[in-house]
Protein backbone atom coordinates (compact mmCIF):
# COMPACT_ATOMS: atom_id res chain seq x y z
CA UNK A 1 -23.92 -11.81 -25.62
CA UNK A 2 -26.80 -10.41 -23.53
CA UNK A 3 -26.02 -11.05 -19.86
CA UNK A 4 -27.68 -9.20 -16.99
CA UNK A 5 -25.51 -6.97 -14.83
CA UNK A 6 -27.13 -8.62 -11.80
CA UNK A 7 -25.46 -11.92 -12.70
CA UNK A 8 -22.07 -10.24 -12.88
CA UNK A 9 -22.75 -8.55 -9.54
CA UNK A 10 -23.43 -11.92 -7.95
CA UNK A 11 -20.27 -13.31 -9.57
CA UNK A 12 -18.21 -10.39 -8.22
CA UNK A 13 -19.32 -10.95 -4.63
CA UNK A 14 -18.77 -14.71 -4.74
CA UNK A 15 -15.36 -14.30 -6.41
CA UNK A 16 -14.17 -11.54 -4.08
CA UNK A 17 -15.17 -13.43 -0.93
CA UNK A 18 -14.77 -17.01 -2.25
CA UNK A 19 -17.91 -17.78 -0.28
CA UNK A 20 -21.47 -18.36 -1.47
CA UNK A 21 -22.82 -17.70 2.03
CA UNK A 22 -20.89 -14.42 2.34
CA UNK A 23 -22.20 -13.31 -1.07
CA UNK A 24 -25.77 -14.11 -0.02
CA UNK A 25 -25.27 -12.06 3.15
CA UNK A 26 -23.89 -9.08 1.21
CA UNK A 27 -26.72 -9.15 -1.34
CA UNK A 28 -29.54 -10.04 1.07
CA UNK A 29 -30.68 -13.04 -0.96
CA UNK A 30 -30.71 -16.76 -0.22
CA UNK A 31 -27.67 -18.94 -0.83
CA UNK A 32 -29.82 -20.98 -3.20
CA UNK A 33 -30.49 -17.85 -5.28
CA UNK A 34 -26.75 -17.17 -5.41
CA UNK A 35 -26.07 -20.72 -6.64
CA UNK A 36 -28.77 -20.44 -9.29
CA UNK A 37 -27.38 -17.13 -10.55
CA UNK A 38 -23.86 -18.56 -10.85
CA UNK A 39 -25.20 -21.64 -12.66
CA UNK A 40 -27.10 -19.39 -15.11
CA UNK A 41 -24.00 -17.26 -15.72
CA UNK A 42 -21.87 -20.36 -16.34
CA UNK A 43 -24.47 -21.66 -18.80
CA UNK A 44 -24.53 -18.35 -20.68
CA UNK A 45 -20.73 -18.12 -20.81
CA UNK A 46 -20.26 -21.79 -21.61
CA UNK A 47 -17.62 -22.45 -18.97
CA UNK A 48 -17.21 -23.34 -15.31
CA UNK A 49 -16.30 -20.37 -13.10
CA UNK A 50 -15.83 -21.96 -9.66
CA UNK A 51 -14.56 -25.16 -8.11
CA UNK A 52 -16.78 -26.05 -5.14
CA UNK A 53 -16.23 -28.56 -2.36
CA UNK A 54 -17.83 -28.99 1.05
CA UNK A 55 -15.06 -26.90 2.60
CA UNK A 56 -13.92 -24.37 0.02
CA UNK A 57 -14.66 -22.33 -3.09
CA UNK A 58 -12.00 -21.35 -5.63
CA UNK A 59 -11.94 -19.74 -9.05
CA UNK A 60 -11.27 -21.78 -12.15
CA UNK A 61 -8.80 -20.43 -14.70
CA UNK A 62 -11.72 -18.96 -16.68
CA UNK A 63 -13.25 -17.56 -13.50
CA UNK A 64 -9.97 -15.85 -12.60
CA UNK A 65 -9.73 -14.20 -16.01
CA UNK A 66 -13.32 -12.97 -15.79
CA UNK A 67 -12.83 -11.68 -12.24
CA UNK A 68 -9.89 -9.49 -13.27
CA UNK A 69 -12.19 -7.59 -15.62
CA UNK A 70 -15.37 -7.66 -13.53
CA UNK A 71 -13.50 -6.34 -10.49
CA UNK A 72 -12.29 -3.29 -12.41
CA UNK A 73 -15.76 -2.72 -13.88
CA UNK A 74 -17.34 -3.00 -10.43
CA UNK A 75 -14.96 -0.40 -8.98
CA UNK A 76 -15.61 1.89 -11.97
CA UNK A 77 -19.36 1.74 -11.36
CA UNK A 78 -18.94 2.40 -7.64
CA UNK A 79 -16.60 5.31 -8.38
CA UNK A 80 -19.21 6.76 -10.74
CA UNK A 81 -21.90 6.50 -8.06
CA UNK A 82 -19.63 8.24 -5.55
CA UNK A 83 -18.79 10.96 -8.04
CA UNK A 84 -22.47 11.75 -8.58
CA UNK A 85 -23.21 11.79 -4.86
CA UNK A 86 -20.39 14.29 -4.26
CA UNK A 87 -21.21 16.73 -7.06
CA UNK A 88 -23.31 19.04 -4.95
CA UNK A 89 -21.00 19.55 -1.97
CA UNK A 90 -18.65 17.92 0.49
CA UNK A 91 -21.49 16.97 2.79
CA UNK A 92 -21.06 13.24 2.38
CA UNK A 93 -18.84 10.58 0.84
CA UNK A 94 -15.52 8.95 1.59
CA UNK A 95 -11.84 9.12 0.75
CA UNK A 96 -10.10 5.80 0.10
CA UNK A 97 -6.39 6.06 0.88
CA UNK A 98 -3.75 3.39 0.43
CA UNK A 99 -0.50 3.58 2.40
CA UNK A 100 1.84 1.43 4.45
CA UNK A 101 1.62 1.34 8.25
CA UNK A 102 4.89 3.27 8.36
CA UNK A 103 3.69 6.12 6.15
CA UNK A 104 0.35 6.29 7.97
CA UNK A 105 1.94 6.59 11.40
CA UNK A 106 5.01 8.68 10.63
CA UNK A 107 3.54 10.97 7.98
CA UNK A 108 -0.22 10.87 7.41
CA UNK A 109 -1.73 10.92 10.92
CA UNK A 110 -1.79 14.73 11.32
CA UNK A 111 -3.39 15.08 7.88
CA UNK A 112 -6.06 12.51 8.71
CA UNK A 113 -6.79 14.49 11.87
CA UNK A 114 -6.96 17.83 10.02
CA UNK A 115 -9.16 16.46 7.24
CA UNK A 116 -11.52 14.92 9.79
CA UNK A 117 -11.71 18.27 11.60
CA UNK A 118 -12.58 20.14 8.38
CA UNK A 119 -14.92 17.50 6.94
CA UNK A 120 -16.27 15.37 9.82
CA UNK A 121 -19.09 14.05 7.63
CA UNK A 122 -16.67 12.45 5.14
CA UNK A 123 -15.31 9.01 5.98
CA UNK A 124 -11.62 8.24 5.58
CA UNK A 125 -11.12 4.61 4.59
CA UNK A 126 -7.47 3.60 4.97
CA UNK A 127 -6.05 0.43 3.42
CA UNK A 128 -2.71 -0.50 5.01
CA UNK A 129 -0.53 -2.41 2.58
CA UNK A 130 3.12 -2.25 1.41
CA UNK A 131 3.72 0.32 -1.34
CA UNK A 132 3.81 -2.26 -4.20
CA UNK A 133 0.41 -3.64 -3.14
CA UNK A 134 -1.00 -0.11 -2.83
CA UNK A 135 -0.08 0.50 -6.48
CA UNK A 136 -1.91 -2.66 -7.52
CA UNK A 137 -5.03 -1.55 -5.63
CA UNK A 138 -4.81 1.89 -7.23
CA UNK A 139 -4.53 0.48 -10.74
CA UNK A 140 -7.73 -1.52 -10.13
CA UNK A 141 -9.61 1.48 -8.76
CA UNK A 142 -9.90 -0.06 -5.28
CA UNK A 143 -8.49 3.12 -3.68
CA UNK A 144 -8.62 6.77 -4.77
CA UNK A 145 -5.08 7.78 -3.96
CA UNK A 146 -1.95 6.21 -2.49
CA UNK A 147 0.96 7.73 -0.62
CA UNK A 148 3.95 5.51 -1.24
CA UNK A 149 7.69 5.18 -1.42
CA UNK A 150 8.20 5.24 -5.17
CA UNK A 151 9.91 2.16 -6.57
CA UNK A 152 12.87 2.69 -8.88
CA UNK A 153 10.65 1.86 -11.85
CA UNK A 154 6.88 2.22 -11.89
CA UNK A 155 5.48 -0.98 -13.40
CA UNK A 156 1.93 0.39 -13.66
CA UNK A 157 1.19 2.58 -16.68
CA UNK A 158 -2.24 3.48 -15.30
CA UNK A 159 -0.94 5.76 -12.53
CA UNK A 160 0.15 9.39 -12.33
CA UNK A 161 2.33 11.13 -9.76
CA UNK A 162 0.59 14.19 -8.29
CA UNK A 163 3.40 15.34 -5.98
CA UNK A 164 6.66 13.92 -4.67
CA UNK A 165 9.37 14.81 -2.17
CA UNK A 166 12.86 13.51 -1.54
CA UNK A 167 13.54 11.28 1.45
CA UNK A 168 16.87 9.97 2.69
CA UNK A 169 17.68 6.56 4.13
CA UNK A 170 20.50 5.92 6.61
CA UNK A 171 22.11 2.99 8.35
CA UNK A 172 21.49 3.42 12.09
CA UNK A 173 22.58 1.81 15.34
CA UNK A 174 21.90 2.05 19.07
CA UNK A 175 24.34 3.03 21.79
CA UNK A 176 25.58 -0.52 22.15
CA UNK A 177 27.51 0.21 18.95
CA UNK A 178 28.83 3.59 20.18
CA UNK A 179 32.39 2.70 19.12
CA UNK A 180 31.18 3.24 15.54
CA UNK A 181 30.06 6.85 16.15
CA UNK A 182 31.81 9.33 13.85
CA UNK A 183 33.84 6.51 12.32
CA UNK A 184 34.01 6.37 8.52
CA UNK A 185 32.82 2.91 7.53
CA UNK A 186 33.17 1.10 4.24
CA UNK A 187 29.97 -0.63 3.28
CA UNK A 188 31.75 -4.00 3.37
CA UNK A 189 32.46 -3.49 7.09
CA UNK A 190 28.74 -3.68 7.80
CA UNK A 191 28.86 -7.36 6.83
CA UNK A 192 30.43 -8.02 10.24
CA UNK A 193 27.44 -6.45 12.04
CA UNK A 194 24.01 -8.00 12.67
CA UNK A 195 21.54 -6.47 10.21
CA UNK A 196 17.83 -6.02 10.91
CA UNK A 197 15.67 -5.27 7.88
CA UNK A 198 12.12 -4.90 6.69
CA UNK A 199 10.78 -8.00 4.97
CA UNK A 200 10.86 -8.47 1.22
CA UNK A 201 8.13 -7.06 -1.03
CA UNK A 202 8.45 -3.63 0.54
CA UNK A 203 9.87 -0.70 -1.41
CA UNK A 204 12.41 0.09 1.32
CA UNK A 205 13.74 -3.48 1.32
CA UNK A 206 13.86 -3.55 -2.49
CA UNK A 207 15.81 -0.27 -2.42
CA UNK A 208 18.29 -1.63 0.15
CA UNK A 209 18.81 -4.85 -1.80
CA UNK A 210 19.43 -2.93 -5.03
CA UNK A 211 21.84 -0.54 -3.28
CA UNK A 212 23.87 -3.45 -1.91
CA UNK A 213 23.80 -5.23 -5.27
CA UNK A 214 25.12 -2.10 -6.99
CA UNK A 215 28.13 -2.17 -4.67
CA UNK A 216 28.49 -5.96 -4.95
CA UNK A 217 27.96 -6.35 -1.20
CA UNK A 218 26.12 -9.29 0.34
CA UNK A 219 24.40 -8.56 3.65
CA UNK A 220 21.99 -11.19 4.95
CA UNK A 221 19.56 -9.85 7.57
CA UNK A 222 19.51 -11.76 10.84
CA UNK A 223 15.96 -10.55 11.49
CA UNK A 224 13.29 -9.56 8.94
CA UNK A 225 10.17 -7.75 10.12
CA UNK A 226 7.01 -6.27 8.64
CA UNK A 227 6.81 -3.55 11.32
CA UNK A 228 9.13 -0.54 11.20
CA UNK A 229 8.26 0.40 14.78
CA UNK A 230 9.38 -3.00 16.08
CA UNK A 231 12.50 -2.72 13.92
CA UNK A 232 13.34 0.64 15.53
CA UNK A 233 12.74 -0.77 19.02
CA UNK A 234 15.10 -3.69 18.37
CA UNK A 235 17.81 -1.36 17.10
CA UNK A 236 17.41 0.76 20.26
CA UNK A 237 18.12 -2.29 22.44
CA UNK A 238 21.15 -3.15 20.31
CA UNK A 239 19.94 -6.23 18.46
CA UNK A 240 21.77 -4.87 15.44
CA UNK A 241 21.95 -2.09 12.87
CA UNK A 242 19.26 -1.25 10.36
CA UNK A 243 18.44 0.77 7.23
CA UNK A 244 15.69 3.31 7.92
CA UNK A 245 14.29 6.48 6.37
CA UNK A 246 15.72 9.40 8.34
CA UNK A 247 12.41 11.29 8.54
CA UNK A 248 10.88 8.45 10.57
CA UNK A 249 13.52 8.47 13.33
CA UNK A 250 14.12 12.20 13.85
CA UNK A 251 13.11 11.98 17.50
CA UNK A 252 15.39 9.03 18.21
CA UNK A 253 18.32 10.70 16.45
CA UNK A 254 17.75 13.98 18.32
CA UNK A 255 17.54 12.24 21.71
CA UNK A 256 20.66 10.17 21.04
CA UNK A 257 18.85 6.83 21.32
CA UNK A 258 20.00 6.11 17.76
CA UNK A 259 22.79 7.48 15.62
CA UNK A 260 23.46 7.38 11.89
CA UNK A 261 26.44 5.36 10.72
CA UNK A 262 28.91 7.26 8.55
CA UNK A 263 28.93 4.93 5.54
CA UNK A 264 31.41 6.02 2.87
CA UNK A 265 29.42 4.77 -0.12
CA UNK A 266 26.82 7.33 -1.18
CA UNK A 267 23.20 6.39 -0.43
CA UNK A 268 20.92 7.91 -3.09
CA UNK A 269 17.79 9.72 -1.98
CA UNK A 270 14.42 8.41 -3.12
CA UNK A 271 10.88 9.76 -3.29
CA UNK A 272 7.73 9.75 -1.23
CA UNK A 273 4.84 10.43 -3.59
CA UNK A 274 1.12 11.06 -3.86
CA UNK A 275 -0.11 8.86 -6.70
CA UNK A 276 -3.52 8.59 -8.41
CA UNK A 277 -5.04 6.54 -11.22
CA UNK A 278 -4.73 8.55 -14.44
CA UNK A 279 -7.80 6.90 -15.94
CA UNK A 280 -10.11 7.82 -13.03
CA UNK A 281 -10.92 11.40 -12.09
CA UNK A 282 -10.38 12.01 -8.39
CA UNK A 283 -13.66 12.31 -6.47
CA UNK A 284 -14.15 15.72 -4.88
CA UNK A 285 -13.45 14.48 -1.35
CA UNK A 286 -10.24 12.73 -2.44
CA UNK A 287 -9.12 15.87 -4.27
CA UNK A 288 -9.59 17.90 -1.09
CA UNK A 289 -7.45 15.41 0.83
CA UNK A 290 -4.72 15.62 -1.82
CA UNK A 291 -4.83 19.42 -1.67
CA UNK A 292 -4.35 19.21 2.08
CA UNK A 293 -1.23 17.07 1.60
CA UNK A 294 0.39 18.98 -1.26
CA UNK A 295 1.95 21.91 0.69
CA UNK A 296 4.01 19.50 2.81
CA UNK A 297 5.51 18.08 -0.39
CA UNK A 298 6.13 21.46 -2.02
CA UNK A 299 7.84 23.10 0.95
CA UNK A 300 10.56 20.50 1.40
């Protein structure tokens, strides 16, 4: 089947934006030309790729299947172009990093600053998503590298762990719960306390849920949030207890604003990791960023 790459490029931009007008803007061609290209592609493939109404555009089942493959091919081509442009030196280019808001703020900020100081001409493009979503983006080639809380089981066979370090989670409370300081607590006793937790579909929440399930304990959060910083603030003003990675609250623990609960049941450590796509060679700029991060993982 002889189909021009240009038709697939038009399809990619319409499918990724679900907008014919947005695709025409990206490609600097008329909306009519976009429509004609999609019609020609549908004729060549023998199937309908989009449902169109006056208000919306959506992919058909066949369009969705095609987009999964075209998206990966598009990223592969773009990665190849970037690789060629970076061969000579680190005088241009970009690093595409995926990480959660929490990891960006509490871990990566000083490394972004240092990399920008060393290579001011290289752009750092950061995609903030929960760790599971970052892995999906990495497997598609949408980002170069992700820094994530590793899930218990990696579901993506296209990724490789470059470095990892142990992190420890703790149950914490504010001074409104000071009667619990230094008191040995059975996990079941926490059921009587208001629990604040990160929302589902985050690695930390998945880890907490699995930990509680292992001990046959049911704790229903009274508040679920997407922001760790807001979670910490609510614990400080005694809205309840929470389950937080110790590294991210060192200042609050040292100042006494928060304290760790002495839970009798052992809380396993888990891993923070630098992860790349094993099928895609890291661009030179991304490799330099990884090399900047590695010592902090190796010295712990």
